Amino acid sequence: MPERPAQSDRRAQSDRPAQSDRPAQSDPPAPAERSAPRERPSEDPLVHTVGRKEARKVEDRRRGRRGLAYGLGMFGVVGWSVALPTLLGIALGVWIDSRAPSPYSWTLMLMLGGLILGCFNAWYWVRREMERE
């Protein structure tokens, strides 16, 4: 009859998992190597709609197309870049006219100066955006 291992030997063997019980250790895959999560077919129309819109946005970004929000944002930047210097010129002109009366209207001169400065500013923004494309 074969001999049984001693009690201490049995304990040492049971504490240590067998080589085949251990999970294989490997480095996690790099982000590019990870596969996209598997999509489950869903009958939910909301999931379908959101997925379709997401795919369209990803494709638009890849092609470099810009949406309505971008156009409105650029319109706002150009508008404010003209309006703000013009309004500042008017405010400064009114203040100078109230402090030091003169035969010339500082309000009109500074309004025109602010308008010209604003137009150059808008031209700069539009030119910069056109160079990006």
Protein backbone atom coordinates (compact mmCIF):
# COMPACT_ATOMS: atom_id res chain seq x y z
CA MET A 1 0.00 0.00 0.00
CA PRO A 2 1.37 3.45 -0.92
CA GLU A 3 2.35 5.74 1.86
CA ARG A 4 0.23 8.74 2.62
CA PRO A 5 1.92 12.12 2.87
CA ALA A 6 2.30 13.57 6.31
CA GLN A 7 -0.27 16.06 7.64
CA SER A 8 2.03 19.05 7.09
CA ASP A 9 2.67 17.96 3.50
CA ARG A 10 -1.07 17.76 2.81
CA ARG A 11 -1.60 21.25 4.20
CA ALA A 12 1.19 22.68 2.09
CA GLN A 13 -0.29 21.09 -1.01
CA SER A 14 -3.82 22.29 -0.31
CA ASP A 15 -2.73 25.89 0.34
CA ARG A 16 -1.08 26.10 -3.01
CA PRO A 17 -3.41 25.93 -6.03
CA ALA A 18 -2.36 23.65 -8.79
CA GLN A 19 -0.67 25.16 -11.80
CA SER A 20 -3.75 24.57 -13.96
CA ASP A 21 -6.04 26.30 -11.40
CA ARG A 22 -4.29 29.65 -11.72
CA PRO A 23 -5.64 32.11 -14.25
CA ALA A 24 -3.24 32.98 -17.00
CA GLN A 25 -1.71 36.36 -16.27
CA SER A 26 -1.17 38.68 -19.19
CA ASP A 27 -1.03 42.38 -19.71
CA PRO A 28 -4.36 44.04 -20.47
CA PRO A 29 -4.75 44.88 -24.14
CA ALA A 30 -3.86 48.38 -25.27
CA PRO A 31 -6.83 50.69 -25.97
CA ALA A 32 -6.45 50.25 -29.73
CA GLU A 33 -6.44 46.47 -29.37
CA ARG A 34 -9.59 46.30 -27.29
CA SER A 35 -12.55 45.23 -29.28
CA ALA A 36 -15.67 47.34 -29.32
CA PRO A 37 -18.34 46.13 -26.94
CA ARG A 38 -20.71 43.75 -28.62
CA GLU A 39 -24.03 45.31 -29.32
CA ARG A 40 -27.07 43.33 -28.48
CA PRO A 41 -29.90 43.54 -30.93
CA SER A 42 -32.53 45.66 -29.29
CA GLU A 43 -36.09 46.29 -30.19
CA ASP A 44 -36.14 49.55 -28.25
CA PRO A 45 -36.64 52.44 -30.74
CA LEU A 46 -34.80 54.88 -28.45
CA VAL A 47 -31.67 52.74 -28.47
CA HIS A 48 -31.87 52.46 -32.25
CA THR A 49 -32.32 56.23 -32.70
CA VAL A 50 -29.47 57.15 -30.34
CA GLY A 51 -27.16 54.65 -32.04
CA ARG A 52 -27.98 56.01 -35.48
CA LYS A 53 -27.35 59.61 -34.39
CA GLU A 54 -24.10 58.66 -32.70
CA ALA A 55 -22.87 56.93 -35.85
CA ARG A 56 -23.77 59.99 -37.92
CA LYS A 57 -21.88 62.32 -35.55
CA VAL A 58 -18.80 60.09 -35.57
CA GLU A 59 -18.85 60.00 -39.38
CA ASP A 60 -19.26 63.80 -39.59
CA ARG A 61 -16.31 64.33 -37.25
CA ARG A 62 -14.21 61.93 -39.27
CA ARG A 63 -15.00 63.78 -42.49
CA GLY A 64 -14.53 67.19 -40.87
CA ARG A 65 -18.09 68.42 -41.41
CA ARG A 66 -19.42 70.92 -38.94
CA GLY A 67 -22.97 71.18 -37.76
CA LEU A 68 -25.50 73.91 -37.19
CA ALA A 69 -24.27 74.61 -33.66
CA TYR A 70 -20.78 75.32 -34.98
CA GLY A 71 -22.16 77.74 -37.58
CA LEU A 72 -24.28 79.56 -35.03
CA GLY A 73 -21.34 79.74 -32.66
CA MET A 74 -19.13 81.24 -35.34
CA PHE A 75 -21.89 83.67 -36.25
CA GLY A 76 -22.02 84.73 -32.59
CA VAL A 77 -18.25 85.19 -32.35
CA VAL A 78 -18.18 87.32 -35.49
CA GLY A 79 -21.19 89.35 -34.34
CA TRP A 80 -19.80 90.06 -30.89
CA SER A 81 -16.35 90.85 -32.29
CA VAL A 82 -17.98 93.69 -34.26
CA ALA A 83 -20.62 94.78 -31.74
CA LEU A 84 -18.44 94.96 -28.63
CA PRO A 85 -15.79 97.41 -29.94
CA THR A 86 -18.56 99.52 -31.49
CA LEU A 87 -20.48 99.73 -28.19
CA LEU A 88 -17.31 100.47 -26.26
CA GLY A 89 -16.49 103.25 -28.72
CA ILE A 90 -19.98 104.74 -28.27
CA ALA A 91 -19.73 104.56 -24.46
CA LEU A 92 -16.30 106.17 -24.43
CA GLY A 93 -17.45 108.84 -26.91
CA VAL A 94 -20.51 109.74 -24.80
CA TRP A 95 -18.30 110.00 -21.71
CA ILE A 96 -15.77 112.27 -23.49
CA ASP A 97 -18.58 114.43 -24.97
CA SER A 98 -20.11 114.92 -21.51
CA ARG A 99 -16.75 115.88 -19.91
CA ALA A 100 -15.19 118.02 -22.62
CA PRO A 101 -17.59 119.61 -25.11
CA SER A 102 -16.06 120.20 -28.54
CA PRO A 103 -17.29 121.07 -32.03
CA TYR A 104 -16.67 117.45 -33.08
CA SER A 105 -18.71 114.51 -31.86
CA TRP A 106 -16.46 112.05 -30.08
CA THR A 107 -19.36 109.62 -29.95
CA LEU A 108 -19.58 109.36 -33.75
CA MET A 109 -15.82 109.25 -34.26
CA LEU A 110 -15.26 106.52 -31.66
CA MET A 111 -18.29 104.59 -32.89
CA LEU A 112 -16.76 104.50 -36.39
CA GLY A 113 -13.37 103.60 -34.93
CA GLY A 114 -14.93 100.75 -32.92
CA LEU A 115 -16.84 99.56 -35.99
CA ILE A 116 -13.68 99.51 -38.12
CA LEU A 117 -11.74 97.74 -35.34
CA GLY A 118 -14.57 95.22 -34.97
CA CYS A 119 -14.63 94.51 -38.71
CA PHE A 120 -10.90 93.82 -38.70
CA ASN A 121 -11.39 91.60 -35.67
CA ALA A 122 -14.18 89.64 -37.43
CA TRP A 123 -12.05 89.32 -40.56
CA TYR A 124 -9.25 87.86 -38.41
CA TRP A 125 -11.60 85.25 -36.85
CA VAL A 126 -13.09 84.20 -40.19
CA ARG A 127 -9.68 83.99 -41.86
CA ARG A 128 -8.33 81.88 -39.00
CA GLU A 129 -11.25 79.44 -39.27
CA MET A 130 -10.89 79.22 -43.05
CA GLU A 131 -7.19 78.30 -42.65
CA ARG A 132 -8.13 75.44 -40.30
CA GLU A 133 -10.23 73.79 -43.01
